[in-house]
Amino acid sequence: MSSKENAAINQLFEKLECRYALRVLWALRDGHPQTFRLLQDSVGGITPNTLNTRIKELREAGLLDHGSDGYTVTPSGVDLLKRLSDVQAFATRWVAARGARAAAAAAAAKSPD
């Protein structure tokens, strides 16, 4: 990977690593606008101050916009969320596999030697 590519991914990760940034985007993945209050409820556990900060940062990054109906993701945000949907599929498989391993380990620990 070139240094230019590294710089680009580092810049993106820097934005997305901020607390709740991904959750704000994920809450808007269905494409329906959300008011500030609805977005706060959708994200869950986020304070109004933190949400304001994340909204500002995501708008500056070109991933989020605000219209008359509320907050929505921009076309760039939609593109990012499409790519993150693969992460959702991975996460579902990963959690299931971890649960299966834990169940197998528990069963092995209970079986007499």
PDB file of N, CA and C in Angstrom:
ATOM      1  N   MET A   1       0.841  -1.168   0.000  1.00  0.00           N
ATOM      2  CA  MET A   1       0.000   0.000   0.000  1.00  0.00           C
ATOM      3  C   MET A   1       0.891   1.238   0.000  1.00  0.00           C
ATOM      4  N   SER A   2       0.558   2.183  -0.853  1.00  0.00           N
ATOM      5  CA  SER A   2       1.372   3.390  -0.951  1.00  0.00           C
ATOM      6  C   SER A   2       1.145   4.300   0.253  1.00  0.00           C
ATOM      7  N   SER A   3       2.058   5.238   0.434  1.00  0.00           N
ATOM      8  CA  SER A   3       1.915   6.169   1.558  1.00  0.00           C
ATOM      9  C   SER A   3       0.678   7.043   1.381  1.00  0.00           C
ATOM     10  N   LYS A   4       0.313   7.333   0.139  1.00  0.00           N
ATOM     11  CA  LYS A   4      -0.897   8.117  -0.132  1.00  0.00           C
ATOM     12  C   LYS A   4      -2.141   7.332   0.289  1.00  0.00           C
ATOM     13  N   GLU A   5      -2.160   6.032  -0.036  1.00  0.00           N
ATOM     14  CA  GLU A   5      -3.284   5.173   0.371  1.00  0.00           C
ATOM     15  C   GLU A   5      -3.337   5.042   1.886  1.00  0.00           C
ATOM     16  N   ASN A   6      -2.174   4.892   2.517  1.00  0.00           N
ATOM     17  CA  ASN A   6      -2.122   4.826   3.979  1.00  0.00           C
ATOM     18  C   ASN A   6      -2.667   6.102   4.603  1.00  0.00           C
ATOM     19  N   ALA A   7      -2.303   7.236   4.049  1.00  0.00           N
ATOM     20  CA  ALA A   7      -2.778   8.512   4.577  1.00  0.00           C
ATOM     21  C   ALA A   7      -4.297   8.613   4.457  1.00  0.00           C
ATOM     22  N   ALA A   8      -4.829   8.163   3.338  1.00  0.00           N
ATOM     23  CA  ALA A   8      -6.276   8.236   3.124  1.00  0.00           C
ATOM     24  C   ALA A   8      -7.022   7.358   4.126  1.00  0.00           C
ATOM     25  N   ILE A   9      -6.576   6.120   4.296  1.00  0.00           N
ATOM     26  CA  ILE A   9      -7.270   5.218   5.225  1.00  0.00           C
ATOM     27  C   ILE A   9      -7.104   5.704   6.655  1.00  0.00           C
ATOM     28  N   ASN A  10      -5.942   6.248   6.971  1.00  0.00           N
ATOM     29  CA  ASN A  10      -5.727   6.786   8.313  1.00  0.00           C
ATOM     30  C   ASN A  10      -6.660   7.953   8.598  1.00  0.00           C
ATOM     31  N   GLN A  11      -6.874   8.819   7.611  1.00  0.00           N
ATOM     32  CA  GLN A  11      -7.788   9.948   7.789  1.00  0.00           C
ATOM     33  C   GLN A  11      -9.223   9.458   8.003  1.00  0.00           C
ATOM     34  N   LEU A  12      -9.628   8.466   7.205  1.00  0.00           N
ATOM     35  CA  LEU A  12     -10.979   7.928   7.360  1.00  0.00           C
ATOM     36  C   LEU A  12     -11.133   7.259   8.715  1.00  0.00           C
ATOM     37  N   PHE A  13     -10.190   6.420   9.085  1.00  0.00           N
ATOM     38  CA  PHE A  13     -10.271   5.740  10.387  1.00  0.00           C
ATOM     39  C   PHE A  13     -10.272   6.735  11.535  1.00  0.00           C
ATOM     40  N   GLU A  14      -9.519   7.809  11.404  1.00  0.00           N
ATOM     41  CA  GLU A  14      -9.494   8.824  12.453  1.00  0.00           C
ATOM     42  C   GLU A  14     -10.901   9.386  12.688  1.00  0.00           C
ATOM     43  N   LYS A  15     -11.634   9.626  11.619  1.00  0.00           N
ATOM     44  CA  LYS A  15     -13.011  10.136  11.750  1.00  0.00           C
ATOM     45  C   LYS A  15     -13.938   9.069  12.340  1.00  0.00           C
ATOM     46  N   LEU A  16     -13.798   7.854  11.857  1.00  0.00           N
ATOM     47  CA  LEU A  16     -14.715   6.787  12.269  1.00  0.00           C
ATOM     48  C   LEU A  16     -14.421   6.240  13.656  1.00  0.00           C
ATOM     49  N   GLU A  17     -13.189   6.411  14.136  1.00  0.00           N
ATOM     50  CA  GLU A  17     -12.820   5.913  15.456  1.00  0.00           C
ATOM     51  C   GLU A  17     -13.360   6.774  16.584  1.00  0.00           C
ATOM     52  N   CYS A  18     -13.777   7.986  16.273  1.00  0.00           N
ATOM     53  CA  CYS A  18     -14.341   8.847  17.315  1.00  0.00           C
ATOM     54  C   CYS A  18     -15.565   8.166  17.904  1.00  0.00           C
ATOM     55  N   ARG A  19     -15.681   8.269  19.196  1.00  0.00           N
ATOM     56  CA  ARG A  19     -16.761   7.584  19.900  1.00  0.00           C
ATOM     57  C   ARG A  19     -18.122   7.919  19.281  1.00  0.00           C
ATOM     58  N   TYR A  20     -18.867   6.902  18.945  1.00  0.00           N
ATOM     59  CA  TYR A  20     -20.217   6.958  18.397  1.00  0.00           C
ATOM     60  C   TYR A  20     -20.305   7.357  16.931  1.00  0.00           C
ATOM     61  N   ALA A  21     -19.203   7.694  16.273  1.00  0.00           N
ATOM     62  CA  ALA A  21     -19.278   8.136  14.879  1.00  0.00           C
ATOM     63  C   ALA A  21     -19.907   7.065  13.993  1.00  0.00           C
ATOM     64  N   LEU A  22     -19.414   5.845  14.095  1.00  0.00           N
ATOM     65  CA  LEU A  22     -19.981   4.765  13.285  1.00  0.00           C
ATOM     66  C   LEU A  22     -21.433   4.486  13.661  1.00  0.00           C
ATOM     67  N   ARG A  23     -21.739   4.592  14.926  1.00  0.00           N
ATOM     68  CA  ARG A  23     -23.112   4.323  15.359  1.00  0.00           C
ATOM     69  C   ARG A  23     -24.076   5.377  14.835  1.00  0.00           C
ATOM     70  N   VAL A  24     -23.618   6.629  14.739  1.00  0.00           N
ATOM     71  CA  VAL A  24     -24.468   7.677  14.158  1.00  0.00           C
ATOM     72  C   VAL A  24     -24.739   7.358  12.694  1.00  0.00           C
ATOM     73  N   LEU A  25     -23.705   7.030  11.953  1.00  0.00           N
ATOM     74  CA  LEU A  25     -23.899   6.683  10.543  1.00  0.00           C
ATOM     75  C   LEU A  25     -24.776   5.443  10.395  1.00  0.00           C
ATOM     76  N   TRP A  26     -24.523   4.443  11.222  1.00  0.00           N
ATOM     77  CA  TRP A  26     -25.270   3.188  11.133  1.00  0.00           C
ATOM     78  C   TRP A  26     -26.753   3.412  11.418  1.00  0.00           C
ATOM     79  N   ALA A  27     -27.050   4.323  12.340  1.00  0.00           N
ATOM     80  CA  ALA A  27     -28.446   4.619  12.675  1.00  0.00           C
ATOM     81  C   ALA A  27     -29.197   5.235  11.492  1.00  0.00           C
ATOM     82  N   LEU A  28     -28.456   5.801  10.557  1.00  0.00           N
ATOM     83  CA  LEU A  28     -29.068   6.450   9.396  1.00  0.00           C
ATOM     84  C   LEU A  28     -28.988   5.594   8.131  1.00  0.00           C
ATOM     85  N   ARG A  29     -28.574   4.352   8.260  1.00  0.00           N
ATOM     86  CA  ARG A  29     -28.323   3.508   7.094  1.00  0.00           C
ATOM     87  C   ARG A  29     -29.548   3.198   6.262  1.00  0.00           C
ATOM     88  N   ASP A  30     -30.764   3.307   6.843  1.00  0.00           N
ATOM     89  CA  ASP A  30     -31.968   2.993   6.067  1.00  0.00           C
ATOM     90  C   ASP A  30     -32.370   4.117   5.116  1.00  0.00           C
ATOM     91  N   GLY A  31     -31.663   5.256   5.199  1.00  0.00           N
ATOM     92  CA  GLY A  31     -31.925   6.354   4.282  1.00  0.00           C
ATOM     93  C   GLY A  31     -33.014   7.312   4.711  1.00  0.00           C
ATOM     94  N   HIS A  32     -33.692   7.017   5.820  1.00  0.00           N
ATOM     95  CA  HIS A  32     -34.744   7.903   6.309  1.00  0.00           C
ATOM     96  C   HIS A  32     -34.150   8.994   7.188  1.00  0.00           C
ATOM     97  N   PRO A  33     -34.536  10.245   6.942  1.00  0.00           N
ATOM     98  CA  PRO A  33     -34.033  11.340   7.783  1.00  0.00           C
ATOM     99  C   PRO A  33     -34.467  11.164   9.242  1.00  0.00           C
ATOM    100  N   GLN A  34     -33.614  11.598  10.145  1.00  0.00           N
ATOM    101  CA  GLN A  34     -33.940  11.546  11.568  1.00  0.00           C
ATOM    102  C   GLN A  34     -33.671  12.905  12.205  1.00  0.00           C
ATOM    103  N   THR A  35     -34.584  13.314  13.051  1.00  0.00           N
ATOM    104  CA  THR A  35     -34.372  14.526  13.823  1.00  0.00           C
ATOM    105  C   THR A  35     -33.271  14.268  14.840  1.00  0.00           C
ATOM    106  N   PHE A  36     -32.785  15.331  15.457  1.00  0.00           N
ATOM    107  CA  PHE A  36     -31.733  15.198  16.461  1.00  0.00           C
ATOM    108  C   PHE A  36     -32.166  14.225  17.557  1.00  0.00           C
ATOM    109  N   ARG A  37     -33.365  14.407  18.074  1.00  0.00           N
ATOM    110  CA  ARG A  37     -33.857  13.571  19.185  1.00  0.00           C
ATOM    111  C   ARG A  37     -34.004  12.110  18.753  1.00  0.00           C
ATOM    112  N   LEU A  38     -34.557  11.890  17.586  1.00  0.00           N
ATOM    113  CA  LEU A  38     -34.714  10.523  17.090  1.00  0.00           C
ATOM    114  C   LEU A  38     -33.345   9.877  16.862  1.00  0.00           C
ATOM    115  N   LEU A  39     -32.418  10.645  16.328  1.00  0.00           N
ATOM    116  CA  LEU A  39     -31.067  10.124  16.112  1.00  0.00           C
ATOM    117  C   LEU A  39     -30.407   9.780  17.442  1.00  0.00           C
ATOM    118  N   GLN A  40     -30.602  10.629  18.437  1.00  0.00           N
ATOM    119  CA  GLN A  40     -30.052  10.360  19.764  1.00  0.00           C
ATOM    120  C   GLN A  40     -30.625   9.055  20.310  1.00  0.00           C
ATOM    121  N   ASP A  41     -31.927   8.853  20.164  1.00  0.00           N
ATOM    122  CA  ASP A  41     -32.558   7.610  20.609  1.00  0.00           C
ATOM    123  C   ASP A  41     -32.060   6.407  19.806  1.00  0.00           C
ATOM    124  N   SER A  42     -31.888   6.594  18.504  1.00  0.00           N
ATOM    125  CA  SER A  42     -31.428   5.498  17.637  1.00  0.00           C
ATOM    126  C   SER A  42     -30.020   5.045  17.992  1.00  0.00           C
ATOM    127  N   VAL A  43     -29.171   6.009  18.316  1.00  0.00           N
ATOM    128  CA  VAL A  43     -27.790   5.676  18.668  1.00  0.00           C
ATOM    129  C   VAL A  43     -27.737   5.046  20.053  1.00  0.00           C
ATOM    130  N   GLY A  44     -28.495   5.597  20.989  1.00  0.00           N
ATOM    131  CA  GLY A  44     -28.550   5.042  22.343  1.00  0.00           C
ATOM    132  C   GLY A  44     -27.315   5.372  23.162  1.00  0.00           C
ATOM    133  N   GLY A  45     -27.525   5.942  24.324  1.00  0.00           N
ATOM    134  CA  GLY A  45     -26.440   6.204  25.260  1.00  0.00           C
ATOM    135  C   GLY A  45     -25.553   7.384  24.924  1.00  0.00           C
ATOM    136  N   ILE A  46     -25.881   8.133  23.909  1.00  0.00           N
ATOM    137  CA  ILE A  46     -25.049   9.266  23.509  1.00  0.00           C
ATOM    138  C   ILE A  46     -25.622  10.548  24.108  1.00  0.00           C
ATOM    139  N   THR A  47     -24.763  11.374  24.647  1.00  0.00           N
ATOM    140  CA  THR A  47     -25.225  12.629  25.224  1.00  0.00           C
ATOM    141  C   THR A  47     -25.477  13.637  24.095  1.00  0.00           C
ATOM    142  N   PRO A  48     -26.330  14.620  24.338  1.00  0.00           N
ATOM    143  CA  PRO A  48     -26.569  15.634  23.301  1.00  0.00           C
ATOM    144  C   PRO A  48     -25.291  16.341  22.858  1.00  0.00           C
ATOM    145  N   ASN A  49     -24.400  16.633  23.795  1.00  0.00           N
ATOM    146  CA  ASN A  49     -23.152  17.300  23.451  1.00  0.00           C
ATOM    147  C   ASN A  49     -22.291  16.438  22.525  1.00  0.00           C
ATOM    148  N   THR A  50     -22.178  15.164  22.855  1.00  0.00           N
ATOM    149  CA  THR A  50     -21.386  14.261  22.016  1.00  0.00           C
ATOM    150  C   THR A  50     -22.024  14.104  20.645  1.00  0.00           C
ATOM    151  N   LEU A  51     -23.352  13.991  20.602  1.00  0.00           N
ATOM    152  CA  LEU A  51     -24.026  13.865  19.312  1.00  0.00           C
ATOM    153  C   LEU A  51     -23.798  15.118  18.469  1.00  0.00           C
ATOM    154  N   ASN A  52     -23.908  16.284  19.074  1.00  0.00           N
ATOM    155  CA  ASN A  52     -23.639  17.525  18.342  1.00  0.00           C
ATOM    156  C   ASN A  52     -22.236  17.530  17.751  1.00  0.00           C
ATOM    157  N   THR A  53     -21.271  17.085  18.552  1.00  0.00           N
ATOM    158  CA  THR A  53     -19.884  17.041  18.090  1.00  0.00           C
ATOM    159  C   THR A  53     -19.728  16.070  16.930  1.00  0.00           C
ATOM    160  N   ARG A  54     -20.298  14.852  17.062  1.00  0.00           N
ATOM    161  CA  ARG A  54     -20.183  13.863  15.989  1.00  0.00           C
ATOM    162  C   ARG A  54     -20.874  14.353  14.723  1.00  0.00           C
ATOM    163  N   ILE A  55     -22.046  14.963  14.856  1.00  0.00           N
ATOM    164  CA  ILE A  55     -22.757  15.483  13.685  1.00  0.00           C
ATOM    165  C   ILE A  55     -21.891  16.511  12.970  1.00  0.00           C
ATOM    166  N   LYS A  56     -21.310  17.417  13.726  1.00  0.00           N
ATOM    167  CA  LYS A  56     -20.452  18.456  13.139  1.00  0.00           C
ATOM    168  C   LYS A  56     -19.288  17.816  12.392  1.00  0.00           C
ATOM    169  N   GLU A  57     -18.621  16.859  13.024  1.00  0.00           N
ATOM    170  CA  GLU A  57     -17.465  16.203  12.405  1.00  0.00           C
ATOM    171  C   GLU A  57     -17.862  15.422  11.153  1.00  0.00           C
ATOM    172  N   LEU A  58     -18.973  14.703  11.233  1.00  0.00           N
ATOM    173  CA  LEU A  58     -19.410  13.906  10.088  1.00  0.00           C
ATOM    174  C   LEU A  58     -19.893  14.787   8.943  1.00  0.00           C
ATOM    175  N   ARG A  59     -20.475  15.934   9.266  1.00  0.00           N
ATOM    176  CA  ARG A  59     -20.865  16.890   8.212  1.00  0.00           C
ATOM    177  C   ARG A  59     -19.620  17.480   7.557  1.00  0.00           C
ATOM    178  N   GLU A  60     -18.622  17.846   8.360  1.00  0.00           N
ATOM    179  CA  GLU A  60     -17.373  18.383   7.811  1.00  0.00           C
ATOM    180  C   GLU A  60     -16.656  17.351   6.940  1.00  0.00           C
ATOM    181  N   ALA A  61     -16.812  16.083   7.279  1.00  0.00           N
ATOM    182  CA  ALA A  61     -16.188  15.000   6.518  1.00  0.00           C
ATOM    183  C   ALA A  61     -16.983  14.665   5.251  1.00  0.00           C
ATOM    184  N   GLY A  62     -18.151  15.273   5.097  1.00  0.00           N
ATOM    185  CA  GLY A  62     -18.965  15.028   3.911  1.00  0.00           C
ATOM    186  C   GLY A  62     -19.749  13.729   3.954  1.00  0.00           C
ATOM    187  N   LEU A  63     -19.954  13.183   5.149  1.00  0.00           N
ATOM    188  CA  LEU A  63     -20.669  11.912   5.284  1.00  0.00           C
ATOM    189  C   LEU A  63     -22.106  12.087   5.763  1.00  0.00           C
ATOM    190  N   LEU A  64     -22.425  13.244   6.293  1.00  0.00           N
ATOM    191  CA  LEU A  64     -23.731  13.503   6.891  1.00  0.00           C
ATOM    192  C   LEU A  64     -24.213  14.870   6.447  1.00  0.00           C
ATOM    193  N   ASP A  65     -25.521  15.003   6.306  1.00  0.00           N
ATOM    194  CA  ASP A  65     -26.099  16.287   5.928  1.00  0.00           C
ATOM    195  C   ASP A  65     -27.362  16.506   6.733  1.00  0.00           C
ATOM    196  N   HIS A  66     -27.841  17.746   6.728  1.00  0.00           N
ATOM    197  CA  HIS A  66     -29.073  18.096   7.438  1.00  0.00           C
ATOM    198  C   HIS A  66     -30.001  18.804   6.468  1.00  0.00           C
ATOM    199  N   GLY A  67     -31.215  18.291   6.391  1.00  0.00           N
ATOM    200  CA  GLY A  67     -32.229  18.902   5.540  1.00  0.00           C
ATOM    201  C   GLY A  67     -33.440  19.260   6.362  1.00  0.00           C
ATOM    202  N   SER A  68     -34.513  19.625   5.698  1.00  0.00           N
ATOM    203  CA  SER A  68     -35.730  20.060   6.399  1.00  0.00           C
ATOM    204  C   SER A  68     -36.355  18.930   7.219  1.00  0.00           C
ATOM    205  N   ASP A  69     -36.108  17.674   6.830  1.00  0.00           N
ATOM    206  CA  ASP A  69     -36.696  16.537   7.556  1.00  0.00           C
ATOM    207  C   ASP A  69     -35.777  15.959   8.625  1.00  0.00           C
ATOM    208  N   GLY A  70     -34.530  16.385   8.656  1.00  0.00           N
ATOM    209  CA  GLY A  70     -33.595  15.874   9.652  1.00  0.00           C
ATOM    210  C   GLY A  70     -32.263  15.507   9.033  1.00  0.00           C
ATOM    211  N   TYR A  71     -31.527  14.677   9.739  1.00  0.00           N
ATOM    212  CA  TYR A  71     -30.187  14.276   9.321  1.00  0.00           C
ATOM    213  C   TYR A  71     -30.263  13.061   8.405  1.00  0.00           C
ATOM    214  N   THR A  72     -29.424  13.081   7.383  1.00  0.00           N
ATOM    215  CA  THR A  72     -29.311  11.965   6.447  1.00  0.00           C
ATOM    216  C   THR A  72     -27.846  11.786   6.084  1.00  0.00           C
ATOM    217  N   VAL A  73     -27.533  10.638   5.519  1.00  0.00           N
ATOM    218  CA  VAL A  73     -26.180  10.429   5.015  1.00  0.00           C
ATOM    219  C   VAL A  73     -26.099  10.982   3.593  1.00  0.00           C
ATOM    220  N   THR A  74     -24.943  11.472   3.253  1.00  0.00           N
ATOM    221  CA  THR A  74     -24.678  11.981   1.912  1.00  0.00           C
ATOM    222  C   THR A  74     -24.422  10.797   0.978  1.00  0.00           C
ATOM    223  N   PRO A  75     -24.304  11.050  -0.323  1.00  0.00           N
ATOM    224  CA  PRO A  75     -23.926   9.942  -1.222  1.00  0.00           C
ATOM    225  C   PRO A  75     -22.619   9.262  -0.805  1.00  0.00           C
ATOM    226  N   SER A  76     -21.656  10.026  -0.308  1.00  0.00           N
ATOM    227  CA  SER A  76     -20.409   9.408   0.182  1.00  0.00           C
ATOM    228  C   SER A  76     -20.688   8.540   1.403  1.00  0.00           C
ATOM    229  N   GLY A  77     -21.571   9.019   2.277  1.00  0.00           N
ATOM    230  CA  GLY A  77     -21.962   8.238   3.444  1.00  0.00           C
ATOM    231  C   GLY A  77     -22.671   6.949   3.061  1.00  0.00           C
ATOM    232  N   VAL A  78     -23.529   7.032   2.042  1.00  0.00           N
ATOM    233  CA  VAL A  78     -24.225   5.837   1.549  1.00  0.00           C
ATOM    234  C   VAL A  78     -23.210   4.836   1.016  1.00  0.00           C
ATOM    235  N   ASP A  79     -22.230   5.324   0.264  1.00  0.00           N
ATOM    236  CA  ASP A  79     -21.179   4.456  -0.272  1.00  0.00           C
ATOM    237  C   ASP A  79     -20.419   3.762   0.855  1.00  0.00           C
ATOM    238  N   LEU A  80     -20.051   4.522   1.870  1.00  0.00           N
ATOM    239  CA  LEU A  80     -19.358   3.942   3.024  1.00  0.00           C
ATOM    240  C   LEU A  80     -20.225   2.895   3.716  1.00  0.00           C
ATOM    241  N   LEU A  81     -21.498   3.199   3.926  1.00  0.00           N
ATOM    242  CA  LEU A  81     -22.382   2.252   4.606  1.00  0.00           C
ATOM    243  C   LEU A  81     -22.586   0.976   3.809  1.00  0.00           C
ATOM    244  N   LYS A  82     -22.600   1.076   2.477  1.00  0.00           N
ATOM    245  CA  LYS A  82     -22.687  -0.131   1.643  1.00  0.00           C
ATOM    246  C   LYS A  82     -21.491  -1.035   1.909  1.00  0.00           C
ATOM    247  N   ARG A  83     -20.328  -0.409   2.014  1.00  0.00           N
ATOM    248  CA  ARG A  83     -19.112  -1.179   2.260  1.00  0.00           C
ATOM    249  C   ARG A  83     -19.090  -1.753   3.680  1.00  0.00           C
ATOM    250  N   LEU A  84     -19.677  -1.033   4.616  1.00  0.00           N
ATOM    251  CA  LEU A  84     -19.742  -1.517   5.998  1.00  0.00           C
ATOM    252  C   LEU A  84     -20.776  -2.624   6.178  1.00  0.00           C
ATOM    253  N   SER A  85     -21.692  -2.778   5.234  1.00  0.00           N
ATOM    254  CA  SER A  85     -22.669  -3.864   5.351  1.00  0.00           C
ATOM    255  C   SER A  85     -21.960  -5.222   5.323  1.00  0.00           C
ATOM    256  N   ASP A  86     -20.812  -5.299   4.662  1.00  0.00           N
ATOM    257  CA  ASP A  86     -20.005  -6.527   4.706  1.00  0.00           C
ATOM    258  C   ASP A  86     -19.503  -6.781   6.121  1.00  0.00           C
ATOM    259  N   VAL A  87     -19.217  -5.726   6.851  1.00  0.00           N
ATOM    260  CA  VAL A  87     -18.785  -5.866   8.243  1.00  0.00           C
ATOM    261  C   VAL A  87     -19.935  -6.427   9.083  1.00  0.00           C
ATOM    262  N   GLN A  88     -21.172  -6.009   8.793  1.00  0.00           N
ATOM    263  CA  GLN A  88     -22.337  -6.537   9.506  1.00  0.00           C
ATOM    264  C   GLN A  88     -22.449  -8.042   9.302  1.00  0.00           C
ATOM    265  N   ALA A  89     -22.310  -8.486   8.080  1.00  0.00           N
ATOM    266  CA  ALA A  89     -22.376  -9.921   7.797  1.00  0.00           C
ATOM    267  C   ALA A  89     -21.257 -10.666   8.521  1.00  0.00           C
ATOM    268  N   PHE A  90     -20.055 -10.112   8.498  1.00  0.00           N
ATOM    269  CA  PHE A  90     -18.933 -10.719   9.210  1.00  0.00           C
ATOM    270  C   PHE A  90     -19.225 -10.783  10.702  1.00  0.00           C
ATOM    271  N   ALA A  91     -19.732  -9.688  11.280  1.00  0.00           N
ATOM    272  CA  ALA A  91     -19.996  -9.633  12.719  1.00  0.00           C
ATOM    273  C   ALA A  91     -21.002 -10.698  13.132  1.00  0.00           C
ATOM    274  N   THR A  92     -22.027 -10.911  12.322  1.00  0.00           N
ATOM    275  CA  THR A  92     -23.029 -11.929  12.626  1.00  0.00           C
ATOM    276  C   THR A  92     -22.396 -13.319  12.650  1.00  0.00           C
ATOM    277  N   ARG A  93     -21.579 -13.623  11.653  1.00  0.00           N
ATOM    278  CA  ARG A  93     -20.898 -14.930  11.612  1.00  0.00           C
ATOM    279  C   ARG A  93     -19.906 -15.064  12.764  1.00  0.00           C
ATOM    280  N   TRP A  94     -19.199 -13.999  13.068  1.00  0.00           N
ATOM    281  CA  TRP A  94     -18.184 -14.006  14.127  1.00  0.00           C
ATOM    282  C   TRP A  94     -18.817 -14.275  15.483  1.00  0.00           C
ATOM    283  N   VAL A  95     -19.915 -13.595  15.784  1.00  0.00           N
ATOM    284  CA  VAL A  95     -20.595 -13.796  17.068  1.00  0.00           C
ATOM    285  C   VAL A  95     -21.127 -15.220  17.168  1.00  0.00           C
ATOM    286  N   ALA A  96     -21.703 -15.728  16.090  1.00  0.00           N
ATOM    287  CA  ALA A  96     -22.215 -17.099  16.098  1.00  0.00           C
ATOM    288  C   ALA A  96     -21.087 -18.106  16.329  1.00  0.00           C
ATOM    289  N   ALA A  97     -19.959 -17.896  15.688  1.00  0.00           N
ATOM    290  CA  ALA A  97     -18.815 -18.804  15.851  1.00  0.00           C
ATOM    291  C   ALA A  97     -18.268 -18.748  17.269  1.00  0.00           C
ATOM    292  N   ARG A  98     -18.209 -17.557  17.828  1.00  0.00           N
ATOM    293  CA  ARG A  98     -17.730 -17.426  19.211  1.00  0.00           C
ATOM    294  C   ARG A  98     -18.667 -18.128  20.175  1.00  0.00           C
ATOM    295  N   GLY A  99     -19.964 -18.008  19.935  1.00  0.00           N
ATOM    296  CA  GLY A  99     -20.945 -18.681  20.785  1.00  0.00           C
ATOM    297  C   GLY A  99     -20.815 -20.194  20.686  1.00  0.00           C
ATOM    298  N   ALA A 100     -20.586 -20.691  19.466  1.00  0.00           N
ATOM    299  CA  ALA A 100     -20.423 -22.133  19.267  1.00  0.00           C
ATOM    300  C   ALA A 100     -19.161 -22.635  19.966  1.00  0.00           C
ATOM    301  N   ARG A 101     -18.073 -21.862  19.877  1.00  0.00           N
ATOM    302  CA  ARG A 101     -16.834 -22.266  20.557  1.00  0.00           C
ATOM    303  C   ARG A 101     -17.009 -22.266  22.074  1.00  0.00           C
ATOM    304  N   ALA A 102     -17.716 -21.257  22.579  1.00  0.00           N
ATOM    305  CA  ALA A 102     -17.937 -21.181  24.033  1.00  0.00           C
ATOM    306  C   ALA A 102     -18.795 -22.351  24.496  1.00  0.00           C
ATOM    307  N   ALA A 103     -19.806 -22.695  23.720  1.00  0.00           N
ATOM    308  CA  ALA A 103     -20.661 -23.825  24.074  1.00  0.00           C
ATOM    309  C   ALA A 103     -19.874 -25.134  24.041  1.00  0.00           C
ATOM    310  N   ALA A 104     -19.011 -25.310  23.052  1.00  0.00           N
ATOM    311  CA  ALA A 104     -18.196 -26.514  22.954  1.00  0.00           C
ATOM    312  C   ALA A 104     -17.217 -26.596  24.124  1.00  0.00           C
ATOM    313  N   ALA A 105     -16.627 -25.469  24.488  1.00  0.00           N
ATOM    314  CA  ALA A 105     -15.698 -25.450  25.612  1.00  0.00           C
ATOM    315  C   ALA A 105     -16.411 -25.768  26.912  1.00  0.00           C
ATOM    316  N   ALA A 106     -17.628 -25.251  27.085  1.00  0.00           N
ATOM    317  CA  ALA A 106     -18.402 -25.519  28.293  1.00  0.00           C
ATOM    318  C   ALA A 106     -18.778 -26.995  28.359  1.00  0.00           C
ATOM    319  N   ALA A 107     -19.150 -27.566  27.219  1.00  0.00           N
ATOM    320  CA  ALA A 107     -19.527 -28.982  27.187  1.00  0.00           C
ATOM    321  C   ALA A 107     -18.304 -29.855  27.472  1.00  0.00           C
ATOM    322  N   ALA A 108     -17.143 -29.482  26.948  1.00  0.00           N
ATOM    323  CA  ALA A 108     -15.922 -30.242  27.191  1.00  0.00           C
ATOM    324  C   ALA A 108     -15.515 -30.166  28.659  1.00  0.00           C
ATOM    325  N   ALA A 109     -15.739 -29.022  29.267  1.00  0.00           N
ATOM    326  CA  ALA A 109     -15.380 -28.867  30.683  1.00  0.00           C
ATOM    327  C   ALA A 109     -16.295 -29.696  31.589  1.00  0.00           C
ATOM    328  N   LYS A 110     -17.524 -29.941  31.160  1.00  0.00           N
ATOM    329  CA  LYS A 110     -18.472 -30.707  31.976  1.00  0.00           C
ATOM    330  C   LYS A 110     -18.325 -32.208  31.793  1.00  0.00           C
ATOM    331  N   SER A 111     -17.756 -32.638  30.664  1.00  0.00           N
ATOM    332  CA  SER A 111     -17.685 -34.074  30.391  1.00  0.00           C
ATOM    333  C   SER A 111     -16.621 -34.715  31.297  1.00  0.00           C
ATOM    334  N   PRO A 112     -16.941 -35.891  31.829  1.00  0.00           N
ATOM    335  CA  PRO A 112     -15.974 -36.583  32.703  1.00  0.00           C
ATOM    336  C   PRO A 112     -14.777 -37.089  31.895  1.00  0.00           C
ATOM    337  N   ASP A 113     -13.630 -37.052  32.516  1.00  0.00           N
ATOM    338  CA  ASP A 113     -12.395 -37.517  31.850  1.00  0.00           C
ATOM    339  C   ASP A 113     -12.193 -38.975  32.050  1.00  0.00           C
TER     340      ASP A 113
END
